[in-house]
């Protein structure tokens, strides 16, 4: 027990150090890339006197040397103060994240839950029942993976908002407004999950200990859920880290299409408006979520199969 705790603490310390270095690298690369792009946050403003433009630049420190701007922004970010938004009046980046993150999190969690609910049973069933249905499942999975979510969103809006007007086409605040965007985000990942669960079950079902349990007369449902299931879902667990990243990046488009007031919409607007601080804050937020998710995935994998290599 003690060795397990020491191993977990060591793992967390290594991941924390890696996360700090990764966030610093992402911050540095993003900072200089954003400054290298032509234009600035105030280029879309109407023509104003030069002294007003200069005063605005001085207020946000944009007239200072690039190295000074970098050190100032880095020092502020270390204290978790992401600064003011250049384009949203009287808003800080922290306030934008606090307001938009719950909406994006609700959409992402709903999509992830839907993908797992549909994908895992479908994949396990296909792995246990080879035949025509299995082949059709694989074809549908390929089609779902190959269809971009914005194309799927257009088709679903046309069908369920205009042909059969049973769901709202956009907006946020009602449960019915969550169905279409969550479904559009979930379908490609449900297909990935189904393929991984099917492959995991096929590999696990041919293992010696599974054949031994069947030969001893253990009921099939006990063999499936007690012996095969934990090993069969390991590929799905490994996929959860990239899946969260994919759902987050996919939500940028989906939130825009369905007019959802999440951080995805804010990120798109920040990129279009050259809002340096807001774009930087959201990039760091996405990176942090991905790092935390990958760490949790590694822990869950170890709990599901202690035979895996040490954390």
Protein backbone atom coordinates (compact mmCIF):
# COMPACT_ATOMS: atom_id res chain seq x y z
CA UNK A 1 0.00 0.00 0.00
CA UNK A 2 2.79 2.41 0.96
CA UNK A 3 4.75 1.67 -2.20
CA UNK A 4 1.63 2.32 -4.25
CA UNK A 5 1.17 5.73 -2.62
CA UNK A 6 4.81 6.62 -3.18
CA UNK A 7 4.48 5.57 -6.81
CA UNK A 8 1.36 7.74 -7.22
CA UNK A 9 3.04 10.77 -5.62
CA UNK A 10 6.06 10.33 -7.88
CA UNK A 11 3.80 10.09 -10.90
CA UNK A 12 1.94 13.26 -9.95
CA UNK A 13 5.18 15.16 -9.36
CA UNK A 14 6.55 14.11 -12.75
CA UNK A 15 3.31 15.06 -14.46
CA UNK A 16 3.23 18.42 -12.68
CA UNK A 17 6.77 19.23 -13.82
CA UNK A 18 5.94 18.15 -17.36
CA UNK A 19 2.76 20.22 -17.30
CA UNK A 20 4.61 23.36 -16.17
CA UNK A 21 7.23 23.00 -18.89
CA UNK A 22 4.56 22.26 -21.51
CA UNK A 23 2.47 25.29 -20.53
CA UNK A 24 5.55 27.51 -20.64
CA UNK A 25 6.45 26.22 -24.11
CA UNK A 26 2.87 26.69 -25.35
CA UNK A 27 2.78 30.20 -23.88
CA UNK A 28 6.08 31.17 -25.50
CA UNK A 29 5.28 29.76 -28.94
CA UNK A 30 1.76 31.21 -28.94
CA UNK A 31 2.97 34.64 -27.80
CA UNK A 32 5.48 35.09 -30.58
CA UNK A 33 3.27 33.51 -33.24
CA UNK A 34 0.40 35.88 -32.43
CA UNK A 35 2.71 38.90 -32.54
CA UNK A 36 4.19 37.71 -35.84
CA UNK A 37 0.80 37.73 -37.60
CA UNK A 38 0.18 41.03 -39.44
CA UNK A 39 -2.36 43.32 -37.83
CA UNK A 40 -3.30 44.06 -34.27
CA UNK A 41 -6.28 44.10 -31.93
CA UNK A 42 -7.27 47.67 -32.83
CA UNK A 43 -6.85 47.57 -36.61
CA UNK A 44 -10.59 47.06 -37.16
CA UNK A 45 -11.51 50.22 -35.29
CA UNK A 46 -12.80 53.23 -37.17
CA UNK A 47 -10.29 55.87 -38.10
CA UNK A 48 -9.26 57.68 -34.93
CA UNK A 49 -6.62 60.32 -34.29
CA UNK A 50 -3.12 59.01 -33.89
CA UNK A 51 -2.83 60.28 -30.32
CA UNK A 52 -5.87 58.20 -29.28
CA UNK A 53 -4.44 55.11 -30.98
CA UNK A 54 -1.12 55.73 -29.22
CA UNK A 55 -2.84 56.17 -25.86
CA UNK A 56 -4.70 52.88 -26.38
CA UNK A 57 -1.48 51.06 -27.24
CA UNK A 58 0.21 52.60 -24.21
CA UNK A 59 -2.64 51.47 -21.94
CA UNK A 60 -2.17 47.84 -22.96
CA UNK A 61 1.62 48.01 -23.24
CA UNK A 62 1.65 47.30 -26.98
CA UNK A 63 4.14 50.11 -27.60
CA UNK A 64 6.81 48.43 -25.48
CA UNK A 65 9.57 46.17 -26.87
CA UNK A 66 8.48 42.60 -27.60
CA UNK A 67 10.73 41.15 -24.91
CA UNK A 68 9.25 43.45 -22.28
CA UNK A 69 5.73 42.47 -23.36
CA UNK A 70 6.65 38.80 -23.12
CA UNK A 71 8.07 39.06 -19.59
CA UNK A 72 5.12 41.17 -18.41
CA UNK A 73 2.57 38.73 -19.80
CA UNK A 74 4.48 35.73 -18.43
CA UNK A 75 4.69 37.22 -14.94
CA UNK A 76 0.99 38.02 -14.98
CA UNK A 77 0.06 34.54 -16.23
CA UNK A 78 2.10 32.84 -13.48
CA UNK A 79 -0.14 34.57 -10.94
CA UNK A 80 -3.23 33.30 -12.86
CA UNK A 81 -4.08 36.86 -13.91
CA UNK A 82 -4.65 36.57 -17.66
CA UNK A 83 -5.20 40.29 -18.06
CA UNK A 84 -7.94 42.35 -19.71
CA UNK A 85 -9.54 41.46 -23.00
CA UNK A 86 -8.44 43.89 -25.69
CA UNK A 87 -11.73 43.74 -27.55
CA UNK A 88 -14.36 43.08 -24.87
CA UNK A 89 -14.84 46.31 -22.96
CA UNK A 90 -14.64 46.01 -19.15
CA UNK A 91 -14.02 42.25 -19.32
CA UNK A 92 -10.98 40.36 -18.13
CA UNK A 93 -9.94 37.05 -19.67
CA UNK A 94 -10.63 35.34 -16.33
CA UNK A 95 -14.21 36.64 -16.41
CA UNK A 96 -14.72 35.42 -19.99
CA UNK A 97 -13.50 31.95 -19.00
CA UNK A 98 -15.66 31.83 -15.86
CA UNK A 99 -18.75 32.76 -17.87
CA UNK A 100 -18.13 30.55 -20.90
CA UNK A 101 -16.47 27.45 -19.44
CA UNK A 102 -19.58 25.96 -17.74
CA UNK A 103 -21.46 26.12 -21.05
CA UNK A 104 -18.67 24.47 -23.02
CA UNK A 105 -18.12 21.92 -20.26
CA UNK A 106 -21.81 20.97 -20.25
CA UNK A 107 -21.76 20.54 -24.03
CA UNK A 108 -18.51 18.57 -23.98
CA UNK A 109 -19.53 16.26 -21.13
CA UNK A 110 -22.87 15.58 -22.77
CA UNK A 111 -21.16 14.74 -26.06
CA UNK A 112 -18.57 12.51 -24.34
CA UNK A 113 -21.23 10.68 -22.33
CA UNK A 114 -23.28 10.14 -25.48
CA UNK A 115 -20.23 8.86 -27.38
CA UNK A 116 -19.40 6.35 -24.64
CA UNK A 117 -23.02 5.30 -24.14
CA UNK A 118 -23.45 4.54 -27.83
CA UNK A 119 -19.93 3.47 -28.78
CA UNK A 120 -18.94 1.05 -26.00
CA UNK A 121 -21.99 -1.29 -26.10
CA UNK A 122 -22.06 -1.19 -29.90
CA UNK A 123 -18.40 -2.09 -30.19
CA UNK A 124 -18.54 -4.84 -27.59
CA UNK A 125 -21.63 -6.34 -29.23
CA UNK A 126 -19.94 -6.26 -32.65
CA UNK A 127 -16.85 -7.94 -31.22
CA UNK A 128 -18.92 -10.74 -29.74
CA UNK A 129 -21.23 -11.23 -32.72
CA UNK A 130 -19.36 -11.44 -35.99
CA UNK A 131 -21.45 -11.36 -39.15
CA UNK A 132 -23.55 -9.07 -41.32
CA UNK A 133 -24.45 -6.70 -38.48
CA UNK A 134 -20.78 -6.37 -37.56
CA UNK A 135 -19.87 -5.44 -41.12
CA UNK A 136 -22.62 -2.81 -41.29
CA UNK A 137 -21.46 -1.38 -37.97
CA UNK A 138 -17.94 -0.94 -39.32
CA UNK A 139 -19.24 0.74 -42.49
CA UNK A 140 -21.40 3.15 -40.51
CA UNK A 141 -18.46 3.90 -38.22
CA UNK A 142 -16.25 4.80 -41.18
CA UNK A 143 -19.01 7.04 -42.56
CA UNK A 144 -19.46 8.79 -39.19
CA UNK A 145 -15.72 9.37 -38.83
CA UNK A 146 -15.37 10.72 -42.36
CA UNK A 147 -18.27 13.19 -42.07
CA UNK A 148 -17.16 16.60 -40.69
CA UNK A 149 -19.25 17.74 -37.75
CA UNK A 150 -20.24 20.99 -39.46
CA UNK A 151 -21.66 18.98 -42.39
CA UNK A 152 -23.54 16.77 -39.95
CA UNK A 153 -24.79 19.89 -38.16
CA UNK A 154 -26.18 21.31 -41.40
CA UNK A 155 -27.98 18.06 -42.22
CA UNK A 156 -29.49 17.75 -38.74
CA UNK A 157 -30.60 21.38 -38.67
CA UNK A 158 -32.29 20.92 -42.04
CA UNK A 159 -34.04 17.73 -40.92
CA UNK A 160 -35.06 18.48 -37.35
CA UNK A 161 -35.52 22.24 -37.48
CA UNK A 162 -37.14 22.78 -40.89
CA UNK A 163 -38.42 19.49 -42.36
CA UNK A 164 -39.60 18.22 -38.95
CA UNK A 165 -39.50 21.29 -36.68
CA UNK A 166 -39.11 19.46 -33.37
CA UNK A 167 -35.84 21.01 -32.12
CA UNK A 168 -34.55 24.59 -31.97
CA UNK A 169 -31.81 25.42 -34.51
CA UNK A 170 -29.68 27.54 -32.16
CA UNK A 171 -29.45 29.15 -28.75
CA UNK A 172 -28.75 28.05 -25.22
CA UNK A 173 -30.63 27.73 -21.96
CA UNK A 174 -33.17 24.97 -22.65
CA UNK A 175 -32.45 21.20 -22.56
CA UNK A 176 -33.78 20.85 -26.09
CA UNK A 177 -31.09 23.26 -27.32
CA UNK A 178 -28.39 20.85 -26.14
CA UNK A 179 -29.51 17.85 -28.17
CA UNK A 180 -28.37 18.77 -31.70
CA UNK A 181 -24.93 20.22 -30.85
CA UNK A 182 -24.12 17.39 -28.44
CA UNK A 183 -25.18 14.82 -31.04
CA UNK A 184 -23.04 16.48 -33.74
CA UNK A 185 -20.02 16.43 -31.46
CA UNK A 186 -20.60 12.89 -30.21
CA UNK A 187 -21.24 10.92 -33.40
CA UNK A 188 -17.65 10.83 -34.80
CA UNK A 189 -16.24 9.94 -31.38
CA UNK A 190 -18.91 7.28 -30.82
CA UNK A 191 -17.70 5.69 -34.06
CA UNK A 192 -14.07 5.76 -32.87
CA UNK A 193 -15.08 4.30 -29.50
CA UNK A 194 -17.11 1.52 -31.17
CA UNK A 195 -14.17 0.53 -33.38
CA UNK A 196 -11.77 0.50 -30.42
CA UNK A 197 -14.17 -1.45 -28.19
CA UNK A 198 -14.74 -3.99 -30.97
CA UNK A 199 -11.00 -4.45 -31.52
CA UNK A 200 -10.39 -4.73 -27.77
CA UNK A 201 -13.08 -7.37 -27.36
CA UNK A 202 -11.82 -9.40 -30.33
CA UNK A 203 -8.30 -9.44 -28.91
CA UNK A 204 -9.41 -10.17 -25.35
CA UNK A 205 -11.86 -12.92 -26.32
CA UNK A 206 -9.01 -14.95 -27.81
CA UNK A 207 -6.89 -14.82 -24.66
CA UNK A 208 -6.08 -18.05 -22.82
CA UNK A 209 -7.78 -17.07 -19.56
CA UNK A 210 -11.04 -16.33 -21.40
CA UNK A 211 -11.01 -19.74 -23.11
CA UNK A 212 -10.23 -21.37 -19.76
CA UNK A 213 -13.19 -19.65 -18.09
CA UNK A 214 -15.51 -20.75 -20.91
CA UNK A 215 -14.18 -24.33 -20.73
CA UNK A 216 -14.89 -24.42 -16.98
CA UNK A 217 -18.54 -23.64 -17.69
CA UNK A 218 -18.59 -20.06 -16.41
CA UNK A 219 -21.76 -18.34 -17.71
CA UNK A 220 -21.16 -16.25 -20.82
CA UNK A 221 -22.38 -13.00 -19.28
CA UNK A 222 -19.99 -13.47 -16.34
CA UNK A 223 -17.08 -14.09 -18.71
CA UNK A 224 -17.98 -11.01 -20.74
CA UNK A 225 -18.46 -8.49 -17.93
CA UNK A 226 -16.12 -9.81 -15.23
CA UNK A 227 -13.18 -11.17 -17.24
CA UNK A 228 -13.25 -9.65 -20.74
CA UNK A 229 -14.76 -6.21 -20.23
CA UNK A 230 -11.95 -4.57 -18.14
CA UNK A 231 -9.29 -5.53 -20.69
CA UNK A 232 -11.49 -4.84 -23.73
CA UNK A 233 -12.17 -1.23 -22.75
CA UNK A 234 -8.51 -0.33 -22.19
CA UNK A 235 -8.14 1.02 -25.77
CA UNK A 236 -11.25 3.15 -25.17
CA UNK A 237 -9.77 4.55 -21.94
CA UNK A 238 -6.53 5.37 -23.80
CA UNK A 239 -8.59 7.24 -26.38
CA UNK A 240 -10.34 9.46 -23.82
CA UNK A 241 -7.46 11.95 -23.66
CA UNK A 242 -7.40 12.65 -27.42
CA UNK A 243 -11.22 12.46 -27.43
CA UNK A 244 -11.50 15.30 -24.94
CA UNK A 245 -9.09 17.37 -27.03
CA UNK A 246 -11.06 16.55 -30.17
CA UNK A 247 -14.37 17.46 -28.56
CA UNK A 248 -12.94 20.76 -27.35
CA UNK A 249 -11.55 21.72 -30.74
CA UNK A 250 -14.66 20.46 -32.49
CA UNK A 251 -16.82 22.56 -30.21
CA UNK A 252 -15.23 25.70 -31.66
CA UNK A 253 -17.16 25.14 -34.88
CA UNK A 254 -20.28 23.66 -33.29
CA UNK A 255 -20.66 26.53 -30.83
CA UNK A 256 -20.37 28.97 -33.70
CA UNK A 257 -22.98 27.15 -35.79
CA UNK A 258 -25.52 26.79 -32.97
CA UNK A 259 -24.84 30.24 -31.42
CA UNK A 260 -23.76 28.74 -28.09
CA UNK A 261 -22.14 31.27 -25.71
CA UNK A 262 -19.20 29.06 -24.72
CA UNK A 263 -15.46 29.54 -24.77
CA UNK A 264 -15.31 28.11 -28.29
CA UNK A 265 -17.17 31.13 -29.63
CA UNK A 266 -14.92 33.42 -27.59
CA UNK A 267 -11.83 31.70 -28.98
CA UNK A 268 -12.96 32.14 -32.59
CA UNK A 269 -13.74 35.81 -31.97
CA UNK A 270 -10.39 36.31 -30.22
CA UNK A 271 -8.53 34.85 -33.22
CA UNK A 272 -10.46 37.00 -35.71
CA UNK A 273 -10.06 40.19 -33.65
CA UNK A 274 -6.39 39.61 -32.72
CA UNK A 275 -7.37 39.71 -29.04
CA UNK A 276 -3.97 38.59 -27.79
CA UNK A 277 -4.75 38.09 -24.11
CA UNK A 278 -8.05 36.28 -24.65
CA UNK A 279 -6.59 33.97 -27.29
CA UNK A 280 -3.61 33.21 -25.05
CA UNK A 281 -5.80 32.50 -22.04
CA UNK A 282 -7.99 30.06 -23.95
CA UNK A 283 -5.00 28.29 -25.52
CA UNK A 284 -3.54 27.74 -22.05
CA UNK A 285 -6.92 26.57 -20.77
CA UNK A 286 -7.26 23.98 -23.54
CA UNK A 287 -3.68 22.80 -22.91
CA UNK A 288 -4.32 22.43 -19.17
CA UNK A 289 -7.50 20.43 -19.74
CA UNK A 290 -5.67 18.09 -22.13
CA UNK A 291 -2.78 17.56 -19.69
CA UNK A 292 -5.11 16.83 -16.77
CA UNK A 293 -7.22 14.46 -18.85
CA UNK A 294 -4.21 12.48 -20.04
CA UNK A 295 -2.96 12.12 -16.46
CA UNK A 296 -6.37 10.84 -15.32
CA UNK A 297 -6.45 8.39 -18.23
CA UNK A 298 -3.09 6.93 -17.18
CA UNK A 299 -4.34 6.44 -13.60
CA UNK A 300 -7.58 4.77 -14.75
CA UNK A 301 -5.63 2.45 -17.06
CA UNK A 302 -3.45 1.34 -14.18
CA UNK A 303 -6.51 0.69 -12.00
CA UNK A 304 -8.20 -1.36 -14.74
CA UNK A 305 -5.13 -3.48 -15.46
CA UNK A 306 -2.41 -3.62 -12.75
CA UNK A 307 -0.21 -5.58 -15.19
CA UNK A 308 0.53 -2.38 -17.09
CA UNK A 309 3.89 -0.76 -16.62
CA UNK A 310 4.48 1.33 -13.56
CA UNK A 311 3.09 4.87 -13.50
